[in-house]
Protein backbone atom coordinates (compact mmCIF):
# COMPACT_ATOMS: atom_id res chain seq x y z
CA MET A 1 45.83 108.32 216.42
CA LYS A 2 47.10 106.31 213.61
CA THR A 3 43.84 104.40 213.26
CA ALA A 4 41.83 107.59 213.14
CA GLN A 5 44.75 109.10 210.18
CA THR A 6 44.21 105.91 208.21
CA THR A 7 40.24 106.22 207.75
CA VAL A 8 40.46 110.03 207.01
CA ARG A 9 43.29 108.78 204.08
CA GLN A 10 40.82 106.01 202.95
CA THR A 11 37.97 108.51 202.90
CA THR A 12 39.98 111.27 201.31
CA GLY A 13 41.24 108.34 198.60
CA ARG A 14 37.89 107.51 197.95
CA ILE A 15 36.18 110.62 197.23
CA GLY A 16 39.10 111.74 195.13
CA GLY A 17 38.53 108.46 193.31
CA LEU A 18 35.22 108.81 192.84
CA ILE A 19 36.03 112.43 191.22
CA CYS A 20 38.16 111.28 188.99
CA PHE A 21 35.57 108.55 188.06
CA LEU A 22 33.03 111.15 187.43
CA ALA A 23 34.82 113.41 185.17
CA VAL A 24 35.60 110.28 182.74
CA VAL A 25 31.98 109.94 183.19
CA LEU A 26 31.27 113.32 181.71
CA PHE A 27 34.20 113.17 179.25
CA ALA A 28 32.58 110.07 177.85
CA ALA A 29 29.43 111.25 177.49
CA ALA A 30 30.24 114.88 175.95
CA LEU A 31 32.54 112.80 173.22
CA LYS A 32 30.76 108.97 172.77
CA PHE A 33 27.34 108.40 174.25
CA TYR A 34 25.96 112.12 172.78
CA PRO A 35 27.31 110.70 169.08
CA ALA A 36 25.89 107.75 170.55
CA PHE A 37 22.51 108.86 170.67
CA GLN A 38 22.47 110.87 167.69
CA GLY A 39 23.08 108.04 165.46
CA PHE A 40 20.16 106.03 167.26
CA LEU A 41 17.93 109.39 166.41
CA LEU A 42 19.24 109.43 162.86
CA SER A 43 17.86 105.83 162.56
CA PHE A 44 14.34 107.02 162.31
CA GLN A 45 15.17 109.91 159.93
CA GLU A 46 14.99 110.53 156.23
CA TYR A 47 18.35 112.62 157.03
CA THR A 48 19.76 115.47 154.79
CA PRO A 49 22.50 117.78 155.48
CA LEU A 50 20.58 120.81 154.50
CA TYR A 51 17.84 120.64 157.00
CA GLY A 52 20.06 119.16 159.77
CA MET A 53 18.96 117.03 162.90
CA THR A 54 15.88 119.03 163.82
CA ASN A 55 14.42 119.62 160.48
CA SER A 56 14.53 116.25 158.78
CA PRO A 57 11.66 114.22 158.64
CA TRP A 58 11.02 111.44 161.11
CA VAL A 59 10.03 107.91 158.84
CA GLY A 60 9.80 105.92 161.93
CA THR A 61 11.00 102.20 161.10
CA GLN A 62 11.75 102.73 157.20
CA ASN A 63 15.32 102.58 157.30
CA TYR A 64 15.28 99.37 159.37
CA ASP A 65 12.60 97.39 156.97
CA GLN A 66 15.12 98.80 154.03
CA LEU A 67 18.28 96.88 155.89
CA LEU A 68 16.41 93.71 157.28
CA ASN A 69 14.81 93.14 153.88
CA GLY A 70 17.45 93.69 151.71
CA PRO A 71 19.12 91.27 149.68
CA TYR A 72 22.48 90.98 151.23
CA PHE A 73 21.96 91.93 154.47
CA TYR A 74 22.16 88.13 155.94
CA SER A 75 25.79 87.84 154.40
CA ILE A 76 26.63 90.71 155.91
CA LEU A 77 25.51 89.66 159.18
CA LYS A 78 27.02 86.33 158.25
CA ASN A 79 30.96 88.19 157.12
CA SER A 80 30.42 89.74 160.68
CA PHE A 81 29.90 87.13 162.55
CA VAL A 82 32.76 84.58 160.90
CA LEU A 83 35.14 87.18 160.53
CA GLY A 84 35.09 88.55 164.34
CA PHE A 85 34.76 85.15 166.12
CA LEU A 86 37.27 83.40 163.68
CA ALA A 87 39.52 86.93 164.25
CA ASN A 88 39.68 86.74 168.12
CA LEU A 89 39.05 83.13 169.05
CA ILE A 90 42.23 80.98 167.91
CA PRO A 91 44.52 83.96 168.54
CA ILE A 92 43.33 84.26 172.23
CA ALA A 93 43.48 80.60 172.59
CA VAL A 94 47.02 80.36 171.38
CA GLY A 95 47.88 83.72 172.85
CA PHE A 96 46.78 81.83 176.22
CA LEU A 97 48.72 79.00 175.64
CA LEU A 98 51.87 80.94 174.80
CA GLY A 99 51.13 83.40 177.74
CA TRP A 100 50.65 80.59 180.81
CA PRO A 101 54.41 79.07 180.41
CA LEU A 102 55.81 82.40 179.86
CA ALA A 103 54.65 83.51 182.94
CA LYS A 104 54.46 80.20 184.91
CA PHE A 105 58.51 78.91 183.91
CA SER A 106 59.93 83.08 183.08
CA GLY A 107 61.82 84.09 186.64
CA GLY A 108 63.65 86.97 187.53
CA LYS A 109 64.02 90.74 186.96
CA THR A 110 64.31 90.02 183.19
CA ALA A 111 60.63 88.50 182.75
CA GLY A 112 59.08 91.96 182.46
CA LEU A 113 61.17 92.60 179.53
CA PHE A 114 60.27 88.90 177.98
CA LEU A 115 56.66 89.95 178.15
CA GLY A 116 57.10 93.29 176.88
CA ILE A 117 58.55 92.38 174.01
CA TRP A 118 55.47 90.22 172.41
CA LEU A 119 53.82 94.14 171.94
CA LEU A 120 56.29 94.69 169.55
CA PRO A 121 54.15 94.04 166.58
CA VAL A 122 50.97 95.28 168.26
CA PHE A 123 52.77 98.77 167.82
CA LEU A 124 53.34 98.39 164.13
CA PRO A 125 50.06 99.58 161.64
CA ALA A 126 47.72 96.93 160.61
CA GLN A 127 47.75 98.78 157.34
CA MET A 128 51.49 96.87 156.80
CA TYR A 129 50.29 93.38 157.38
CA THR A 130 47.79 93.54 155.01
CA SER A 131 49.90 95.22 152.19
CA ILE A 132 52.26 92.87 152.56
CA ALA A 133 50.02 89.93 152.51
CA GLY A 134 48.53 91.18 149.22
CA TRP A 135 51.64 91.86 148.09
CA PHE A 136 53.24 88.53 148.29
CA GLY A 137 49.54 86.76 147.24
CA GLY A 138 49.59 87.11 143.60
CA ALA A 139 47.84 89.52 141.41
CA ASP A 140 44.70 88.01 142.08
CA LEU A 141 44.58 87.60 145.74
CA LEU A 142 42.15 90.31 147.16
CA GLY A 143 39.98 89.59 144.01
CA ASN A 144 38.98 85.90 145.52
CA PRO A 145 36.72 86.34 148.58
CA PHE A 146 38.10 83.28 150.47
CA SER A 147 41.72 84.53 150.09
CA SER A 148 40.58 87.94 151.21
CA VAL A 149 39.44 86.26 154.44
CA LEU A 150 42.60 84.53 154.94
CA VAL A 151 44.49 88.03 154.65
CA TYR A 152 42.38 89.41 157.05
CA LEU A 153 42.49 86.54 159.55
CA GLY A 154 46.34 86.83 159.20
CA ALA A 155 46.71 90.49 159.44
CA ALA A 156 44.12 90.71 162.38
CA GLY A 157 45.08 87.84 164.35
CA ILE A 158 48.82 88.85 164.66
CA ARG A 159 48.04 91.73 166.93
CA THR A 160 45.44 90.04 168.54
CA LEU A 161 47.71 86.88 169.20
CA CYS A 162 50.65 88.82 170.23
CA PHE A 163 48.18 90.95 172.71
CA SER A 164 46.97 87.84 174.38
CA VAL A 165 50.51 86.69 175.00
CA PHE A 166 51.39 89.67 176.68
CA LEU A 167 48.11 90.10 178.52
CA CYS A 168 47.93 86.47 179.71
CA GLY A 169 51.39 86.53 180.87
CA ILE A 170 51.64 89.43 182.10
CA CYS A 171 48.41 88.89 184.52
CA GLY A 172 50.26 85.26 185.62
CA TYR A 173 54.11 86.99 186.40
CA LEU A 174 52.14 89.80 188.41
CA CYS A 175 50.42 87.00 190.89
CA LYS A 176 53.28 84.86 190.67
CA ARG A 177 55.44 87.64 192.14
CA SER A 178 52.95 88.47 194.62
CA GLY A 179 52.86 84.92 195.94
CA ALA A 180 49.73 83.64 194.33
CA SER A 181 49.22 81.03 191.55
CA SER A 182 50.38 82.30 188.24
CA THR A 183 48.03 80.07 186.33
CA LYS A 184 45.02 82.00 187.80
CA GLY A 185 46.16 85.43 186.54
CA SER A 186 46.79 83.94 183.12
CA LEU A 187 43.07 82.38 183.20
CA LEU A 188 41.98 86.23 184.46
CA GLY A 189 44.03 87.62 181.23
CA GLY A 190 42.10 85.26 178.70
CA GLY A 191 38.76 86.00 180.46
CA VAL A 192 39.23 89.73 179.55
CA LEU A 193 39.89 89.04 175.85
CA LEU A 194 37.14 86.54 175.80
CA MET A 195 35.15 89.47 177.48
CA ILE A 196 36.42 92.28 174.77
CA SER A 197 35.87 89.32 171.74
CA ALA A 198 32.37 88.79 173.40
CA ILE A 199 31.09 92.61 173.24
CA ASN A 200 32.52 93.12 169.60
CA LEU A 201 31.46 89.58 168.16
CA LEU A 202 29.87 91.44 164.99
CA THR A 203 32.85 93.98 164.87
CA PRO A 204 35.54 92.77 162.83
CA SER A 205 38.47 95.77 162.40
CA LEU A 206 37.06 98.52 159.99
CA GLU A 207 40.81 99.34 159.66
CA ILE A 208 41.84 96.61 158.36
CA LEU A 209 39.06 95.61 155.76
CA HIS A 210 39.03 98.91 154.76
CA GLY A 211 42.56 98.46 153.25
CA ILE A 212 41.30 94.69 151.63
CA GLN A 213 38.13 95.44 150.85
CA ASN A 214 37.02 95.79 146.64
CA PRO A 215 34.15 94.86 144.52
CA LEU A 216 35.05 91.91 144.17
CA ASN A 217 35.58 90.39 147.75
CA TYR A 218 32.76 92.04 149.07
CA GLU A 219 30.61 89.35 149.37
CA ALA A 220 33.05 87.55 151.74
CA THR A 221 34.38 90.74 153.72
CA ASP A 222 31.51 93.12 153.26
CA THR A 223 30.00 93.73 157.17
CA LEU A 224 28.03 95.87 159.00
CA ASP A 225 30.64 98.40 159.87
CA THR A 226 31.79 98.45 156.22
CA TYR A 227 28.44 98.59 155.24
CA ALA A 228 27.62 101.82 157.29
CA TYR A 229 30.91 103.33 156.26
CA ARG A 230 30.07 102.79 152.79
CA THR A 231 26.19 103.90 152.65
CA GLY A 232 27.08 106.66 155.10
CA LEU A 233 30.19 108.48 154.17
CA MET A 234 31.01 107.73 151.05
CA ASN A 235 27.33 107.28 149.72
CA ALA A 236 26.07 110.39 151.65
CA SER A 237 22.66 107.74 152.93
CA PHE A 238 23.52 108.62 157.04
CA SER A 239 20.09 107.44 158.40
CA PRO A 240 20.32 103.93 156.36
CA SER A 241 24.04 103.59 157.94
CA ALA A 242 22.93 104.32 161.33
CA ALA A 243 20.14 102.20 161.07
CA ALA A 244 22.86 99.40 159.78
CA TRP A 245 24.82 100.58 163.05
CA CYS A 246 21.92 100.21 165.91
CA VAL A 247 21.06 96.87 164.76
CA LYS A 248 24.67 95.89 165.28
CA LEU A 249 24.20 97.10 168.72
CA LEU A 250 21.15 95.45 169.30
CA LEU A 251 22.70 92.18 167.83
CA GLU A 252 25.55 92.43 170.26
CA LEU A 253 23.46 93.31 172.81
CA PRO A 254 22.73 89.69 175.11
CA PHE A 255 26.69 89.15 174.36
CA PHE A 256 27.78 92.19 176.16
CA LEU A 257 25.57 91.53 179.14
CA LEU A 258 26.28 88.42 179.20
CA ALA A 259 29.86 88.66 179.03
CA VAL A 260 30.12 91.48 181.34
CA ILE A 261 27.78 89.28 183.94
CA VAL A 262 29.99 86.12 183.76
CA PHE A 263 33.10 87.81 184.00
CA LEU A 264 32.63 90.28 186.53
CA ARG A 265 30.98 86.74 188.54
CA LEU A 266 34.67 85.39 187.65
CA PHE A 267 36.36 88.48 188.69
CA LYS A 268 34.42 88.31 192.26
CA ASN A 269 35.02 84.50 192.74
CA ILE A 270 38.60 83.54 191.49
CA SER A 271 41.00 83.78 195.00
CA PHE A 272 44.39 85.24 194.48
CA ARG A 273 45.45 84.56 198.19
CA ARG A 274 49.00 83.64 198.52
CA GLU A 275 50.14 80.31 198.34
CA PRO A 276 52.64 78.50 199.74
CA ALA A 277 56.22 78.59 198.30
CA SER A 278 56.96 75.61 195.84
CA ILE A 279 59.60 74.06 194.34
CA GLN A 280 59.56 76.14 190.83
CA GLU A 281 62.11 75.79 188.50
CA SER A 282 62.74 79.26 186.70
CA THR A 283 64.44 79.88 183.68
CA SER A 284 65.07 82.60 181.10
CA LEU A 285 65.03 80.39 178.29
CA PRO A 286 61.56 80.68 177.27
CA GLY A 287 61.88 84.81 177.28
CA ILE A 288 65.16 84.75 175.47
CA PHE A 289 63.13 82.48 172.79
CA SER A 290 60.16 85.01 172.44
CA LEU A 291 62.67 88.05 172.27
CA ILE A 292 64.56 86.60 169.28
CA ALA A 293 61.50 85.27 167.54
CA VAL A 294 59.31 88.36 168.38
CA GLY A 295 61.95 90.69 167.27
CA PHE A 296 62.77 89.27 164.30
CA PHE A 297 59.86 88.96 163.13
CA SER A 298 59.16 93.17 163.67
CA ILE A 299 61.95 93.41 162.28
CA PHE A 300 61.53 91.14 158.75
CA ALA A 301 57.91 92.55 158.67
CA MET A 302 59.27 96.54 158.39
CA VAL A 303 62.25 95.43 155.85
CA VAL A 304 59.76 93.85 153.79
CA PHE A 305 57.18 96.45 153.73
CA ILE A 306 59.40 99.20 153.00
CA SER A 307 61.42 97.05 150.38
CA LEU A 308 58.12 96.89 148.84
CA PHE A 309 58.13 100.04 147.48
CA PRO A 310 61.20 101.19 145.61
CA GLY A 311 61.68 104.65 143.97
CA ARG A 312 61.88 108.26 145.38
CA SER A 313 60.61 109.24 147.94
CA PRO A 314 58.07 111.55 147.66
CA ASP A 315 57.68 115.12 149.55
CA PHE A 316 55.55 113.82 152.78
CA THR A 317 57.19 115.97 155.53
CA ARG A 318 54.19 117.88 155.62
CA TYR A 319 51.86 114.42 156.14
CA ALA A 320 55.26 112.85 158.71
CA LEU A 321 55.02 116.26 160.96
CA ASN A 322 50.87 116.55 161.35
CA GLY A 323 50.61 112.41 162.17
CA ALA A 324 53.34 113.27 164.62
CA VAL A 325 51.70 116.25 166.42
CA ALA A 326 48.54 114.22 166.32
CA ALA A 327 50.08 111.12 167.94
CA ILE A 328 51.93 112.96 170.67
CA PHE A 329 48.41 115.24 171.45
CA THR A 330 46.79 111.84 171.59
CA ALA A 331 49.53 110.10 174.10
CA VAL A 332 49.35 113.14 176.88
CA LEU A 333 45.32 113.13 176.83
CA PHE A 334 45.44 109.24 176.89
CA PHE A 335 47.79 109.35 179.65
CA GLY A 336 45.44 111.66 181.60
CA PHE A 337 42.31 109.60 180.71
CA LEU A 338 44.01 106.44 181.69
CA LEU A 339 44.97 108.16 184.68
CA LEU A 340 41.91 109.22 185.55
CA PHE A 341 39.99 106.24 185.06
CA GLY A 342 42.43 103.79 186.90
CA TYR A 343 42.64 105.72 189.54
CA GLY A 344 38.68 106.03 189.57
CA SER A 345 38.09 102.57 188.81
CA ALA A 346 40.55 101.19 191.85
CA SER A 347 38.07 101.50 194.35
CA ARG A 348 35.11 100.09 192.19
CA PRO A 349 36.59 98.28 189.68
CA ALA A 350 33.20 96.36 188.57
CA ALA A 351 31.70 99.84 187.21
CA GLY A 352 35.02 100.61 185.69
CA ILE A 353 34.76 97.41 183.65
CA VAL A 354 30.96 98.16 183.13
CA LEU A 355 32.01 101.82 181.94
CA GLY A 356 35.00 100.35 179.61
CA GLY A 357 32.62 97.60 178.30
CA PHE A 358 30.14 99.98 177.42
CA LEU A 359 32.20 101.96 175.38
CA LEU A 360 33.55 99.30 173.58
CA TRP A 361 30.01 98.13 173.25
CA ILE A 362 28.91 101.41 171.27
CA SER A 363 32.23 101.81 169.55
CA CYS A 364 32.27 101.92 165.26
CA ASN A 365 29.60 104.57 165.43
CA THR A 366 31.29 106.05 161.89
CA VAL A 367 27.88 108.38 161.01
CA GLY A 368 26.83 109.49 164.22
CA GLU A 369 30.62 110.78 165.39
CA TYR A 370 31.17 111.95 161.99
CA LEU A 371 28.29 114.17 162.17
CA PHE A 372 28.98 115.38 165.61
CA TYR A 373 32.63 116.72 164.32
CA ARG A 374 31.03 117.94 161.48
CA GLN A 375 28.79 120.26 163.51
CA ALA A 376 32.39 121.04 165.50
CA TYR A 377 33.69 122.21 161.97
CA ALA A 378 36.35 119.68 163.37
CA ILE A 379 36.11 117.52 160.11
CA ASN A 380 39.79 117.70 158.12
CA THR A 381 41.44 118.45 161.32
CA PRO A 382 43.77 116.25 163.77
CA TRP A 383 41.27 116.48 166.79
CA PRO A 384 38.45 113.96 165.81
CA VAL A 385 41.91 111.43 165.45
CA ILE A 386 43.43 112.54 168.62
CA LEU A 387 40.12 112.23 170.15
CA ASN A 388 39.34 109.17 169.18
CA GLY A 389 42.58 107.93 170.00
CA VAL A 390 41.91 108.83 173.45
CA PHE A 391 38.87 106.06 174.24
CA LEU A 392 40.75 102.53 173.54
CA PRO A 393 38.80 100.41 175.49
CA THR A 394 40.83 97.49 174.42
CA LEU A 395 43.08 99.08 176.57
CA LEU A 396 41.00 100.23 179.65
CA ILE A 397 39.80 97.00 180.68
CA PRO A 398 43.06 95.38 180.90
CA PHE A 399 44.83 98.02 182.54
CA LEU A 400 42.17 97.94 185.22
CA VAL A 401 42.05 94.24 185.51
CA ILE A 402 46.16 94.71 185.84
CA SER A 403 45.57 96.96 188.77
CA VAL A 404 43.57 95.11 190.68
CA LEU A 405 46.30 92.18 190.10
CA ILE A 406 48.95 94.58 191.29
CA PHE A 407 46.99 96.34 194.90
CA GLN A 408 45.69 92.68 195.14
CA ASN A 409 47.52 91.67 198.64
CA ARG A 410 48.86 95.36 199.78
CA PRO A 411 45.69 97.99 199.21
CA CYS A 412 46.40 101.64 197.29
CA GLY A 413 48.48 103.76 200.12
CA GLY A 414 46.99 106.97 197.94
CA PHE A 415 47.02 108.76 194.66
CA GLY A 416 51.23 108.74 194.93
CA ASP A 417 51.20 105.13 195.85
CA TRP A 418 49.12 104.20 192.82
CA ILE A 419 50.81 106.36 190.20
CA HIS A 420 54.25 104.56 191.79
CA ARG A 421 52.86 101.05 191.17
CA MET A 422 51.41 101.54 188.19
CA LEU A 423 53.92 103.76 186.35
CA PRO A 424 54.83 100.79 183.82
CA PHE A 425 51.79 99.73 182.54
CA LEU A 426 50.83 103.72 182.25
CA LEU A 427 53.88 104.36 180.27
CA LEU A 428 53.47 101.18 178.09
CA PHE A 429 49.48 101.52 177.23
CA THR A 430 50.40 105.13 176.89
CA GLY A 431 53.06 103.99 174.18
CA LEU A 432 50.31 101.62 172.41
CA SER A 433 48.38 104.92 171.96
CA MET A 434 50.62 106.99 170.88
CA ALA A 435 51.73 104.29 167.63
CA ASN A 436 47.98 103.43 167.33
CA ALA A 437 47.47 107.52 166.54
CA TRP A 438 50.00 107.81 164.53
CA GLY A 439 49.16 104.64 161.78
CA SER A 440 45.59 105.30 162.72
CA SER A 441 43.81 104.54 159.28
CA GLU A 442 40.60 103.99 160.49
CA ALA A 443 39.94 107.40 161.99
CA SER A 444 42.00 109.20 159.40
CA VAL A 445 39.13 107.58 156.33
CA ILE A 446 36.29 108.89 158.44
CA TYR A 447 37.47 111.97 159.44
CA ILE A 448 39.97 113.33 157.17
CA SER A 449 39.20 113.51 153.31
CA ASP A 450 41.79 112.50 150.98
CA ASN A 451 43.74 116.04 150.39
CA ALA A 452 44.01 116.89 153.70
CA GLN A 453 47.60 115.88 154.68
CA TYR A 454 47.09 115.03 158.55
CA GLY A 455 48.75 111.34 158.71
CA LEU A 456 50.66 109.24 156.31
CA SER A 457 48.11 106.86 156.48
CA ILE A 458 46.09 108.97 154.20
CA LEU A 459 48.92 109.10 151.70
CA LEU A 460 49.67 105.45 151.89
CA ARG A 461 46.10 104.51 151.38
CA ASN A 462 45.55 106.23 148.37
CA ALA A 463 49.02 104.95 146.79
CA PHE A 464 48.43 101.10 148.04
CA LEU A 465 45.33 101.18 145.56
CA LEU A 466 47.15 102.29 142.62
CA VAL A 467 50.42 100.00 142.98
CA GLY A 468 48.09 97.33 144.50
CA ASN A 469 45.48 95.13 143.12
CA THR A 470 42.39 97.49 143.75
CA ASP A 471 43.40 99.89 140.88
CA ALA A 472 39.38 100.07 139.67
CA VAL A 473 38.45 102.44 143.31
CA ALA A 474 41.29 103.93 143.01
CA PRO A 475 40.67 107.68 144.15
CA LEU A 476 40.45 110.60 141.80
CA GLY A 477 43.51 112.84 142.36
CA THR A 478 46.20 110.00 143.04
CA PRO A 479 49.80 110.79 141.67
CA GLU A 480 50.77 108.04 139.29
CA ASN A 481 54.33 107.64 140.51
CA ILE A 482 54.39 108.05 144.11
CA GLY A 483 57.44 106.22 145.07
CA LEU A 484 56.77 105.60 148.44
CA THR A 485 60.38 103.93 150.05
CA GLY A 486 60.95 106.94 152.59
CA ALA A 487 57.16 107.30 153.17
CA CYS A 488 56.97 103.23 154.41
CA ALA A 489 59.99 103.40 156.54
CA VAL A 490 59.03 106.51 158.67
CA PHE A 491 55.06 105.25 158.92
CA CYS A 492 56.85 101.84 160.53
CA ILE A 493 59.81 102.82 161.66
CA VAL A 494 58.37 105.47 164.05
CA PRO A 495 55.61 102.78 166.08
CA PHE A 496 58.30 100.50 166.27
CA CYS A 497 60.92 103.12 168.03
CA ILE A 498 57.92 103.99 170.21
CA GLY A 499 57.73 100.56 170.89
CA VAL A 500 61.09 99.39 171.71
CA LEU A 501 60.98 103.19 173.85
CA SER A 502 57.68 102.18 175.71
CA VAL A 503 58.83 98.41 176.76
CA ILE A 504 62.39 99.63 177.85
CA LEU A 505 60.57 102.16 180.54
CA PHE A 506 57.92 99.83 181.04
CA THR A 507 60.94 97.19 182.46
CA ILE A 508 63.07 99.93 184.28
CA THR A 509 60.18 101.07 186.06
CA ASP A 510 58.88 97.51 186.26
CA LEU A 511 61.87 96.72 188.31
CA ARG A 512 61.52 99.59 190.46
CA SER A 513 58.55 98.81 191.54
CA SER A 514 58.94 95.08 192.35
CA ASP A 515 61.75 96.16 194.03
CA HIS A 516 59.67 98.79 196.48
CA ALA A 517 57.09 95.40 196.39
CA ALA A 518 59.95 93.17 197.80
CA ASP A 519 60.59 95.96 199.99
CA LEU A 520 57.82 96.33 201.95
CA ARG A 521 57.04 92.59 202.10
CA SER A 522 60.66 92.09 203.64
CA ALA A 523 59.11 95.09 206.53
CA ASP A 524 55.75 92.91 206.65
CA ARG A 525 57.73 90.04 207.61
CA ALA A 526 59.99 91.69 210.00
CA ALA A 527 56.95 93.48 211.41
CA LEU A 528 55.11 89.94 212.15
CA CYS A 529 58.45 88.48 213.82
């Protein structure tokens, strides 16, 4: 009788998971796959908004010939590869070397807190790091191509490093908590990051590059994505921009296939069986050191960022209010999407990894998605920013791998059991999506014009162009004396508070989940005896 009930429950769970997974696929098809297909068609047309997609003339491979035979194509391709490679490889390697000992030697109920604290710098907007580097580097810093590359590598590397430490550490910690090897878990976390980096090898952060790029450093900072943004949205050459995006996809295709295949083989062959208990000293010293170091760095960076712009605060209430609404809506939708994706992929992790990798591969489709939202009359509204913040493959794939590690030795007992055991990471990753939407200058510059008050990133982006080192490209109509102290404070303190709250909730719920898992293991041992 009990076996029959278990079989029925497992069958129902598989059907429910399949429905959730299909819902995710349909949602992604409507908001990501269709704009990607639209961008592909655009690359073979001479598109003009007057004629639209259906009446614009077809020109064959003319846009591709123009791009590939252009004088700057190979320079742009080299910049894309160098920036994408250096900004990921070194931080991931260092992150593994820091995250592995944290997972191996940290123990007790505070291990989750010590690892979660490493995400605080990731909660802070990337625009903050580029602004600090620009001000401390002197007047000619961003006018020098080499130093501009260093600024990008520093701003992107900080966030990648901290996320790498967290993921490698938390994967090792979860394996150690279940009795498996923490080293294998940390290696799996590093493998996830390497797969993500390989898929996006030619996709450096458009958000960071947009903050430091100017005509003086184009030769070192112009990439395929910045070229597509500049030609497509700033110069209204939509079809050549779509061709640049398609060329990038084609060049990344071998890396996408190789990364997914290699990771799936690693994921399938690596063993997470319980190992005999060994005498291993656990200490809180590495965790305490990381807590002090990362916390001090985050607070120090915020204080410096705020103090860079003394003066009266402008009336930024409308910007802050609209940014808060967008962040809240993004968090709610992302929580639901993560719930569907995680539970739907629980019994089919390989399919979830492939779907997440595909979403990552077709990302940065600036022209295709811009025209998609323009056709829906959503440009200059917060909805493109909100929906763009729901699709974060860099969080979806790690979340799926973490869920597999949590359920490695005890299968999921249904939807309620899945939520109970995954709640710490649901809350933590939702907080990351909320902070990302609050400071999302990348989505804002694509979908929102300069005069639309839908986020502080628009206000600060325009102001930085005036008070920074790139006055020559400052947008028209920007006030000269804007006074940014209050705006900067709100811009960085709000995501920092979101991060602190997310880490606290993660720690509390993780403690309850670990206590529940310990009770279940004790019950299993008692039943065996």
